[in-house]
């Protein structure tokens, strides 16, 4: 096994905390790389391996925590381990030492490294103060409460979105509150969403976080993602500082429960370098896993990586291929970037008709930036007859959806008197709305193209 001192010599300025809980895993990985590729390869890839260290130190700790918490949840009350790091780690979760047994050569693991690991005691521990409750499943009353909660959420959601009813955020909130009393996590998440966006109530970030945390306690992965998004954008302290480690914690927990959206967000943390060193390779690995598993937004990001030469060599044909796969799966972001490729002639001949087609398809699926691009085509007369009034209609459609670029373009139409009577007050009104909308957006998840 590679020693810590030798690893430090190979990595030069890269600092590896010697007392880290996960140094053994990292040294084992580094030792394999030396055996496979040689020491010179390790020296030539110091920056990459520094990223790998940060990855090990961050994610292994989260993984260990998740595994232990799940074991406790499923009834684990006793553990035994070698003396060293693990006993102290288990104490954090309420385990206490009950006995210890001296090292016995007869029971040593195969290929045990005595020089590095010595002959530690075996420590036996038990979880104190927690009684094991047999899970007998939900009672008949609990089943009835569950169905009532689901019905209340369904009705509340239809009122929130205006499906079959006049849109009414206040009544939606009332129904979600009733459903939350039935311990319905979707209702708790939806209440948080209303507070986060100021729908029917004054916008209240603290209240939103409280409701998302309640929902997360019941295993609601959407609430975990919302908490992660808030950590990325605002943080959870009073200063409004982003908390990227908190975001990674919530996304990792949601991934553990099988949420692919959370996995995508983890990839985005590595893409942006939020809370970790920017690492296009790791992000690409995550996006590739998602794309090959059929998650269409993974196809969008694979297209984005090939289009911009992130990690992969720039390849417009490959980018277009991934966007087309995403578009076939009804992904509006893929459609938007297909439109951008045809609009700008990226790997294809400039074709405004095809660009407008893809923007229109994205607009049909609710992409608010698509409304802006379609409006821009009518404003400039690209691929269609110039029509300022239709451009305004599209910008208004975007403005109604709280799209800041649409509001800004609408302001420009009033300022210049295009399709409307010149009106500086209305122009300033829409510019102010655009600025406010941009500042209040909780998070912008994906880079897309706006034609203006």
Protein backbone atom coordinates (compact mmCIF):
# COMPACT_ATOMS: atom_id res chain seq x y z
CA UNK A 1 0.00 0.00 0.00
CA UNK A 2 1.23 3.50 -0.85
CA UNK A 3 2.22 5.47 2.26
CA UNK A 4 0.84 8.90 3.08
CA UNK A 5 4.32 10.44 2.79
CA UNK A 6 4.89 8.93 -0.68
CA UNK A 7 1.44 10.06 -1.83
CA UNK A 8 2.24 13.60 -0.72
CA UNK A 9 5.53 13.51 -2.69
CA UNK A 10 3.71 12.39 -5.85
CA UNK A 11 0.95 14.99 -5.56
CA UNK A 12 3.22 17.93 -4.75
CA UNK A 13 1.25 20.98 -3.62
CA UNK A 14 -2.00 19.05 -3.27
CA UNK A 15 -2.79 18.92 0.45
CA UNK A 16 -4.24 15.71 1.85
CA UNK A 17 -5.33 15.94 5.51
CA UNK A 18 -3.51 13.08 7.24
CA UNK A 19 -6.13 12.74 9.97
CA UNK A 20 -9.06 12.46 7.54
CA UNK A 21 -11.52 9.66 8.17
CA UNK A 22 -11.21 8.51 4.56
CA UNK A 23 -7.46 8.68 3.97
CA UNK A 24 -7.23 4.88 3.69
CA UNK A 25 -9.73 4.75 0.83
CA UNK A 26 -7.90 7.51 -1.00
CA UNK A 27 -4.45 5.94 -0.57
CA UNK A 28 -5.82 2.60 -1.77
CA UNK A 29 -7.22 4.27 -4.89
CA UNK A 30 -3.93 6.11 -5.48
CA UNK A 31 -1.93 2.90 -5.01
CA UNK A 32 -4.01 1.18 -7.72
CA UNK A 33 -3.38 4.10 -10.09
CA UNK A 34 0.39 3.89 -9.52
CA UNK A 35 0.40 0.15 -10.19
CA UNK A 36 -1.73 0.56 -13.32
CA UNK A 37 -0.34 3.76 -14.88
CA UNK A 38 2.97 4.47 -13.13
CA UNK A 39 4.15 7.27 -10.87
CA UNK A 40 4.75 9.73 -13.71
CA UNK A 41 1.07 9.50 -14.74
CA UNK A 42 0.06 10.37 -11.16
CA UNK A 43 2.39 13.39 -11.18
CA UNK A 44 1.02 14.54 -14.55
CA UNK A 45 -2.57 14.34 -13.26
CA UNK A 46 -2.21 16.03 -9.88
CA UNK A 47 -5.10 18.43 -10.48
CA UNK A 48 -7.44 15.60 -11.41
CA UNK A 49 -6.45 13.61 -8.32
CA UNK A 50 -7.00 16.63 -6.10
CA UNK A 51 -10.58 16.62 -7.39
CA UNK A 52 -10.76 12.92 -6.61
CA UNK A 53 -9.65 13.55 -3.02
CA UNK A 54 -12.37 16.17 -2.53
CA UNK A 55 -14.89 13.77 -4.05
CA UNK A 56 -13.89 10.94 -1.67
CA UNK A 57 -13.87 13.19 1.38
CA UNK A 58 -17.29 14.65 0.62
CA UNK A 59 -19.35 11.77 -0.72
CA UNK A 60 -17.99 8.86 1.31
CA UNK A 61 -18.90 10.63 4.53
CA UNK A 62 -22.44 11.21 3.27
CA UNK A 63 -22.67 7.60 2.09
CA UNK A 64 -21.49 6.22 5.44
CA UNK A 65 -23.99 8.39 7.28
CA UNK A 66 -26.86 7.30 5.02
CA UNK A 67 -26.01 3.61 5.39
CA UNK A 68 -25.82 3.81 9.20
CA UNK A 69 -29.04 5.82 9.51
CA UNK A 70 -30.85 3.32 7.27
CA UNK A 71 -29.54 0.41 9.36
CA UNK A 72 -30.78 2.05 12.58
CA UNK A 73 -34.14 2.77 10.96
CA UNK A 74 -34.45 -0.91 10.05
CA UNK A 75 -33.75 -2.08 13.58
CA UNK A 76 -29.96 -2.31 13.90
CA UNK A 77 -29.04 -1.94 17.59
CA UNK A 78 -25.64 -3.65 17.84
CA UNK A 79 -22.37 -3.18 15.95
CA UNK A 80 -18.81 -4.40 16.34
CA UNK A 81 -15.71 -3.03 14.66
CA UNK A 82 -11.96 -2.65 15.00
CA UNK A 83 -10.76 0.04 17.37
CA UNK A 84 -9.82 3.28 15.64
CA UNK A 85 -12.01 5.64 13.65
CA UNK A 86 -15.27 3.65 13.60
CA UNK A 87 -16.05 3.49 17.35
CA UNK A 88 -15.80 7.27 17.60
CA UNK A 89 -17.91 7.67 14.47
CA UNK A 90 -20.62 5.30 15.82
CA UNK A 91 -20.76 7.30 19.06
CA UNK A 92 -22.12 10.25 17.08
CA UNK A 93 -25.23 8.16 16.40
CA UNK A 94 -25.82 7.08 20.00
CA UNK A 95 -23.84 3.83 20.17
CA UNK A 96 -21.88 3.13 23.35
CA UNK A 97 -19.15 0.56 24.00
CA UNK A 98 -20.28 -2.56 25.89
CA UNK A 99 -17.11 -4.67 25.70
CA UNK A 100 -13.88 -5.14 23.78
CA UNK A 101 -11.88 -8.21 22.82
CA UNK A 102 -8.14 -8.35 22.25
CA UNK A 103 -6.75 -9.04 18.78
CA UNK A 104 -6.72 -12.74 17.88
CA UNK A 105 -4.42 -13.83 15.02
CA UNK A 106 -6.73 -16.76 14.23
CA UNK A 107 -9.58 -14.44 13.20
CA UNK A 108 -7.55 -11.83 11.34
CA UNK A 109 -8.94 -10.80 7.90
CA UNK A 110 -7.04 -12.17 4.93
CA UNK A 111 -4.06 -10.06 3.80
CA UNK A 112 -4.28 -7.90 6.91
CA UNK A 113 -1.62 -5.15 6.78
CA UNK A 114 -0.02 -5.37 10.24
CA UNK A 115 2.57 -2.69 9.52
CA UNK A 116 -0.05 -0.10 8.67
CA UNK A 117 -3.05 -1.21 10.75
CA UNK A 118 -1.44 -2.91 13.76
CA UNK A 119 -3.41 -5.27 16.04
CA UNK A 120 -6.47 -3.31 17.24
CA UNK A 121 -9.07 -4.51 19.72
CA UNK A 122 -12.49 -5.55 18.50
CA UNK A 123 -15.04 -3.14 20.01
CA UNK A 124 -18.67 -4.18 20.64
CA UNK A 125 -21.28 -1.40 20.84
CA UNK A 126 -25.03 -1.03 21.39
CA UNK A 127 -27.52 1.73 20.63
CA UNK A 128 -28.91 3.02 23.90
CA UNK A 129 -32.21 4.68 24.71
CA UNK A 130 -34.10 3.36 21.64
CA UNK A 131 -36.66 0.63 21.87
CA UNK A 132 -37.23 -1.60 18.87
CA UNK A 133 -40.78 -1.32 17.64
CA UNK A 134 -42.22 -4.03 15.47
CA UNK A 135 -43.62 -2.59 12.25
CA UNK A 136 -47.12 -3.97 11.88
CA UNK A 137 -47.94 -1.80 8.88
CA UNK A 138 -50.55 0.97 8.70
CA UNK A 139 -53.75 0.57 10.70
CA UNK A 140 -57.14 0.87 9.03
CA UNK A 141 -57.50 4.39 10.44
CA UNK A 142 -54.07 5.36 9.06
CA UNK A 143 -55.03 3.98 5.64
CA UNK A 144 -58.20 6.09 5.65
CA UNK A 145 -56.20 9.17 6.68
CA UNK A 146 -53.73 8.48 3.86
CA UNK A 147 -56.51 8.36 1.25
CA UNK A 148 -58.09 11.53 2.65
CA UNK A 149 -54.74 13.33 2.50
CA UNK A 150 -54.19 12.27 -1.11
CA UNK A 151 -57.67 13.46 -2.11
CA UNK A 152 -57.11 16.83 -0.44
CA UNK A 153 -53.76 17.28 -2.19
CA UNK A 154 -55.25 16.39 -5.57
CA UNK A 155 -58.02 18.96 -5.17
CA UNK A 156 -55.60 21.56 -3.81
CA UNK A 157 -53.27 21.07 -6.76
CA UNK A 158 -56.08 21.54 -9.26
CA UNK A 159 -57.02 24.81 -7.52
CA UNK A 160 -53.38 25.93 -7.44
CA UNK A 161 -52.95 25.31 -11.17
CA UNK A 162 -56.44 26.32 -12.25
CA UNK A 163 -57.31 22.88 -13.62
CA UNK A 164 -61.13 22.50 -13.86
CA UNK A 165 -61.51 25.37 -11.35
CA UNK A 166 -60.72 29.05 -11.17
CA UNK A 167 -57.17 29.39 -9.89
CA UNK A 168 -57.27 30.05 -6.14
CA UNK A 169 -54.01 29.85 -4.17
CA UNK A 170 -55.79 30.63 -0.89
CA UNK A 171 -58.13 27.65 -1.12
CA UNK A 172 -55.26 25.47 -2.32
CA UNK A 173 -53.32 26.45 0.81
CA UNK A 174 -56.32 25.57 3.01
CA UNK A 175 -56.57 22.10 1.46
CA UNK A 176 -52.83 21.48 1.67
CA UNK A 177 -52.93 22.48 5.35
CA UNK A 178 -55.70 19.99 6.03
CA UNK A 179 -53.79 17.28 4.16
CA UNK A 180 -50.59 18.04 6.08
CA UNK A 181 -52.51 17.31 9.29
CA UNK A 182 -52.96 13.81 7.81
CA UNK A 183 -49.16 13.61 7.57
CA UNK A 184 -49.20 13.92 3.79
CA UNK A 185 -45.67 14.92 2.72
CA UNK A 186 -46.76 16.12 -0.73
CA UNK A 187 -49.05 18.66 0.96
CA UNK A 188 -46.19 19.86 3.16
CA UNK A 189 -43.97 20.26 0.11
CA UNK A 190 -46.68 22.18 -1.77
CA UNK A 191 -47.20 24.56 1.15
CA UNK A 192 -43.46 25.22 1.10
CA UNK A 193 -43.66 25.89 -2.63
CA UNK A 194 -46.43 28.47 -2.17
CA UNK A 195 -44.37 30.28 0.49
CA UNK A 196 -41.21 30.10 -1.63
CA UNK A 197 -42.88 31.72 -4.62
CA UNK A 198 -45.30 34.03 -2.80
CA UNK A 199 -48.39 32.40 -4.31
CA UNK A 200 -51.46 33.47 -2.34
CA UNK A 201 -49.26 34.43 0.60
CA UNK A 202 -46.41 36.84 1.24
CA UNK A 203 -43.18 35.31 0.09
CA UNK A 204 -41.52 33.78 3.16
CA UNK A 205 -38.30 31.83 2.68
CA UNK A 206 -38.09 30.77 6.33
CA UNK A 207 -41.61 29.30 6.28
CA UNK A 208 -40.84 27.57 2.98
CA UNK A 209 -37.77 25.91 4.47
CA UNK A 210 -39.70 24.77 7.55
CA UNK A 211 -42.37 23.09 5.42
CA UNK A 212 -39.83 21.50 3.06
CA UNK A 213 -37.96 20.10 6.07
CA UNK A 214 -41.18 18.63 7.46
CA UNK A 215 -41.86 16.95 4.13
CA UNK A 216 -38.26 15.71 3.91
CA UNK A 217 -38.63 14.03 7.31
CA UNK A 218 -41.31 11.87 5.71
CA UNK A 219 -38.98 10.95 2.83
CA UNK A 220 -40.35 13.40 0.25
CA UNK A 221 -37.56 13.70 -2.33
CA UNK A 222 -39.09 16.72 -4.05
CA UNK A 223 -38.84 18.60 -0.78
CA UNK A 224 -35.21 17.50 -0.46
CA UNK A 225 -34.49 18.87 -3.93
CA UNK A 226 -36.22 22.14 -3.04
CA UNK A 227 -34.07 22.40 0.09
CA UNK A 228 -30.99 21.71 -2.00
CA UNK A 229 -31.99 24.40 -4.47
CA UNK A 230 -32.53 26.90 -1.64
CA UNK A 231 -29.13 26.02 -0.18
CA UNK A 232 -27.55 26.69 -3.58
CA UNK A 233 -29.28 30.00 -4.14
CA UNK A 234 -29.73 31.54 -0.69
CA UNK A 235 -28.32 29.25 1.99
CA UNK A 236 -30.21 28.59 5.19
CA UNK A 237 -28.62 31.27 7.37
CA UNK A 238 -29.81 34.83 7.93
CA UNK A 239 -27.03 36.27 5.78
CA UNK A 240 -28.25 34.70 2.55
CA UNK A 241 -24.93 32.97 1.84
CA UNK A 242 -25.11 29.93 -0.47
CA UNK A 243 -24.61 26.63 1.33
CA UNK A 244 -23.34 24.26 -1.34
CA UNK A 245 -22.38 21.53 1.13
CA UNK A 246 -25.97 21.63 2.38
CA UNK A 247 -27.19 21.35 -1.20
CA UNK A 248 -24.99 18.31 -1.77
CA UNK A 249 -26.31 16.73 1.45
CA UNK A 250 -29.95 17.09 0.40
CA UNK A 251 -29.34 15.98 -3.19
CA UNK A 252 -27.34 12.96 -1.99
CA UNK A 253 -30.15 11.92 0.34
CA UNK A 254 -32.70 12.22 -2.47
CA UNK A 255 -30.43 10.20 -4.79
CA UNK A 256 -30.24 7.49 -2.14
CA UNK A 257 -34.02 7.30 -2.29
CA UNK A 258 -33.90 6.92 -6.08
CA UNK A 259 -34.61 10.44 -7.33
CA UNK A 260 -32.91 11.01 -10.69
CA UNK A 261 -33.57 14.74 -10.66
CA UNK A 262 -31.41 14.99 -7.54
CA UNK A 263 -28.68 13.05 -9.34
CA UNK A 264 -28.85 15.59 -12.16
CA UNK A 265 -28.45 18.39 -9.61
CA UNK A 266 -25.38 16.67 -8.17
CA UNK A 267 -23.93 16.70 -11.67
CA UNK A 268 -24.70 20.41 -11.89
CA UNK A 269 -22.77 21.06 -8.66
CA UNK A 270 -19.68 19.57 -10.29
CA UNK A 271 -20.41 21.40 -13.55
CA UNK A 272 -20.57 24.78 -11.78
CA UNK A 273 -17.98 24.08 -9.11
CA UNK A 274 -20.42 24.76 -6.29
CA UNK A 275 -19.10 23.40 -3.01
CA UNK A 276 -16.55 21.24 -4.85
CA UNK A 277 -13.80 21.88 -7.35
CA UNK A 278 -15.28 22.35 -10.84
CA UNK A 279 -15.02 18.94 -12.49
CA UNK A 280 -16.47 18.42 -15.96
CA UNK A 281 -15.38 14.79 -15.95
CA UNK A 282 -17.47 13.89 -12.91
CA UNK A 283 -20.40 15.90 -14.19
CA UNK A 284 -20.14 14.14 -17.57
CA UNK A 285 -20.12 10.73 -15.86
CA UNK A 286 -23.34 11.59 -14.04
CA UNK A 287 -25.02 13.01 -17.16
CA UNK A 288 -23.98 9.94 -19.15
CA UNK A 289 -25.44 7.60 -16.52
CA UNK A 290 -28.71 9.52 -16.61
CA UNK A 291 -28.84 9.62 -20.42
CA UNK A 292 -28.15 5.89 -20.79
CA UNK A 293 -30.80 5.12 -18.17
CA UNK A 294 -33.41 6.99 -20.25
CA UNK A 295 -33.58 10.20 -18.20
CA UNK A 296 -34.10 12.73 -20.99
CA UNK A 297 -32.59 15.74 -19.22
CA UNK A 298 -29.37 13.75 -19.08
CA UNK A 299 -29.49 13.78 -22.89
CA UNK A 300 -29.79 17.57 -22.82
CA UNK A 301 -26.66 17.94 -20.70
CA UNK A 302 -24.73 15.42 -22.81
CA UNK A 303 -25.66 17.54 -25.82
CA UNK A 304 -24.55 20.66 -23.98
CA UNK A 305 -21.18 19.06 -23.16
CA UNK A 306 -20.52 18.03 -26.74
CA UNK A 307 -21.72 21.39 -28.05
CA UNK A 308 -19.39 23.39 -25.80
CA UNK A 309 -16.48 20.96 -25.55
CA UNK A 310 -16.88 20.31 -21.85
CA UNK A 311 -14.82 17.19 -21.01
CA UNK A 312 -15.50 15.77 -24.49
CA UNK A 313 -13.96 17.11 -27.70
CA UNK A 314 -16.40 19.60 -29.23
CA UNK A 315 -18.68 17.73 -31.61
CA UNK A 316 -21.81 19.44 -32.96
CA UNK A 317 -23.08 16.24 -34.62
CA UNK A 318 -22.97 14.37 -31.30
CA UNK A 319 -24.59 17.35 -29.56
CA UNK A 320 -27.41 17.46 -32.08
CA UNK A 321 -27.87 13.68 -31.75
CA UNK A 322 -28.33 13.92 -27.98
CA UNK A 323 -30.66 16.92 -28.32
CA UNK A 324 -32.77 14.98 -30.83
CA UNK A 325 -33.01 12.04 -28.43
CA UNK A 326 -34.05 14.45 -25.68
CA UNK A 327 -36.58 16.13 -27.98
CA UNK A 328 -38.06 12.73 -28.85
CA UNK A 329 -38.59 12.32 -25.11
CA UNK A 330 -40.49 15.65 -24.98
CA UNK A 331 -37.65 17.53 -23.28
CA UNK A 332 -38.20 21.24 -23.93
CA UNK A 333 -34.58 22.19 -23.12
CA UNK A 334 -33.31 19.85 -25.84
CA UNK A 335 -35.77 21.42 -28.26
CA UNK A 336 -34.58 24.89 -27.30
CA UNK A 337 -30.96 24.05 -28.02
CA UNK A 338 -31.83 22.35 -31.30
CA UNK A 339 -33.48 25.64 -32.22
CA UNK A 340 -30.32 27.49 -31.20
CA UNK A 341 -28.12 25.22 -33.34
CA UNK A 342 -30.22 25.86 -36.44
CA UNK A 343 -30.49 29.56 -35.63
CA UNK A 344 -26.72 29.98 -35.30
CA UNK A 345 -25.60 27.35 -37.81
CA UNK A 346 -23.75 25.17 -35.30
CA UNK A 347 -22.78 22.04 -37.25
CA UNK A 348 -25.64 22.65 -39.68
CA UNK A 349 -26.64 25.24 -42.26
CA UNK A 350 -28.47 28.21 -40.74
CA UNK A 351 -32.15 27.39 -41.02
CA UNK A 352 -34.51 29.85 -39.32
CA UNK A 353 -37.55 27.77 -40.25
CA UNK A 354 -36.23 24.76 -38.35
CA UNK A 355 -35.12 27.00 -35.48
CA UNK A 356 -38.63 28.46 -35.20
CA UNK A 357 -40.12 24.95 -35.40
CA UNK A 358 -38.09 23.76 -32.41
CA UNK A 359 -38.76 26.93 -30.40
CA UNK A 360 -42.47 26.46 -31.08
CA UNK A 361 -42.33 22.83 -29.96
CA UNK A 362 -40.56 23.89 -26.77
CA UNK A 363 -43.18 26.59 -26.24
CA UNK A 364 -45.97 24.01 -26.53
CA UNK A 365 -44.35 22.24 -23.58
CA UNK A 366 -44.31 25.37 -21.47
CA UNK A 367 -40.75 26.62 -21.90
CA UNK A 368 -41.05 30.32 -21.14
CA UNK A 369 -37.80 31.24 -22.90
CA UNK A 370 -39.28 29.74 -26.05
CA UNK A 371 -42.03 32.40 -25.90
CA UNK A 372 -39.29 35.04 -25.94
CA UNK A 373 -37.54 33.50 -28.93
CA UNK A 374 -40.76 33.12 -30.92
CA UNK A 375 -41.62 36.73 -30.16
CA UNK A 376 -38.16 37.75 -31.35
CA UNK A 377 -38.74 35.98 -34.69
CA UNK A 378 -41.93 37.97 -35.24
CA UNK A 379 -40.28 41.19 -34.08
CA UNK A 380 -37.35 40.83 -36.50
CA UNK A 381 -39.17 39.05 -39.36
CA UNK A 382 -36.98 35.94 -39.28
CA UNK A 383 -38.65 33.00 -41.09
CA UNK A 384 -42.02 34.78 -40.77
CA UNK A 385 -43.54 38.02 -41.89
CA UNK A 386 -42.59 40.79 -39.46
CA UNK A 387 -45.49 41.36 -37.07
CA UNK A 388 -44.96 43.52 -33.99
CA UNK A 389 -48.40 42.76 -32.55
CA UNK A 390 -47.76 38.99 -32.63
CA UNK A 391 -44.34 39.61 -31.10
CA UNK A 392 -46.03 41.52 -28.28
CA UNK A 393 -48.55 38.69 -27.83
CA UNK A 394 -45.69 36.21 -27.33
CA UNK A 395 -43.83 38.54 -24.98
CA UNK A 396 -47.04 39.00 -22.96
CA UNK A 397 -47.44 35.24 -22.80
CA UNK A 398 -43.92 35.03 -21.37
CA UNK A 399 -44.57 37.94 -19.00
CA UNK A 400 -47.67 36.17 -17.65
CA UNK A 401 -45.41 33.21 -16.91
CA UNK A 402 -43.07 35.58 -15.00
CA UNK A 403 -40.29 35.25 -17.58
CA UNK A 404 -38.00 38.28 -17.04
CA UNK A 405 -36.62 38.33 -20.60
CA UNK A 406 -40.18 38.56 -21.95
CA UNK A 407 -40.93 41.47 -19.62
CA UNK A 408 -37.74 43.22 -20.67
CA UNK A 409 -38.56 42.81 -24.39
CA UNK A 410 -42.09 44.03 -23.77
CA UNK A 411 -40.64 47.13 -22.15
CA UNK A 412 -38.42 47.67 -25.20
CA UNK A 413 -41.48 47.48 -27.51
CA UNK A 414 -43.18 50.28 -25.53
CA UNK A 415 -39.98 52.32 -25.37
CA UNK A 416 -39.52 52.16 -29.15
CA UNK A 417 -43.21 52.23 -30.05
CA UNK A 418 -43.16 48.96 -32.00
CA UNK A 419 -46.70 47.62 -32.46
CA UNK A 420 -47.94 49.88 -29.67
CA UNK A 421 -48.07 53.57 -28.94
CA UNK A 422 -44.74 54.79 -27.59
CA UNK A 423 -45.07 54.92 -23.81
CA UNK A 424 -42.03 55.48 -21.60
CA UNK A 425 -43.97 54.91 -18.36
CA UNK A 426 -45.12 51.45 -19.51
CA UNK A 427 -41.59 50.71 -20.71
CA UNK A 428 -40.18 51.56 -17.29
CA UNK A 429 -42.96 49.54 -15.65
CA UNK A 430 -41.99 46.40 -17.60
CA UNK A 431 -38.26 46.98 -17.09
CA UNK A 432 -38.85 47.19 -13.33
CA UNK A 433 -41.00 44.03 -13.43
CA UNK A 434 -38.26 42.24 -15.35
CA UNK A 435 -35.63 43.24 -12.80
CA UNK A 436 -37.80 42.15 -9.89
CA UNK A 437 -38.67 38.83 -11.57
CA UNK A 438 -35.00 38.12 -12.27
CA UNK A 439 -34.02 38.86 -8.68
CA UNK A 440 -36.81 36.75 -7.19
CA UNK A 441 -36.32 33.64 -9.31
CA UNK A 442 -35.40 30.88 -6.85
CA UNK A 443 -32.96 29.23 -9.24
CA UNK A 444 -32.16 29.00 -12.93
CA UNK A 445 -31.29 25.38 -13.53
CA UNK A 446 -30.20 25.17 -17.15
CA UNK A 447 -28.36 27.34 -19.65
CA UNK A 448 -30.43 27.92 -22.80
CA UNK A 449 -30.40 30.41 -25.61
CA UNK A 450 -32.37 33.65 -25.69
CA UNK A 451 -32.53 35.51 -28.99
CA UNK A 452 -32.53 39.20 -28.22
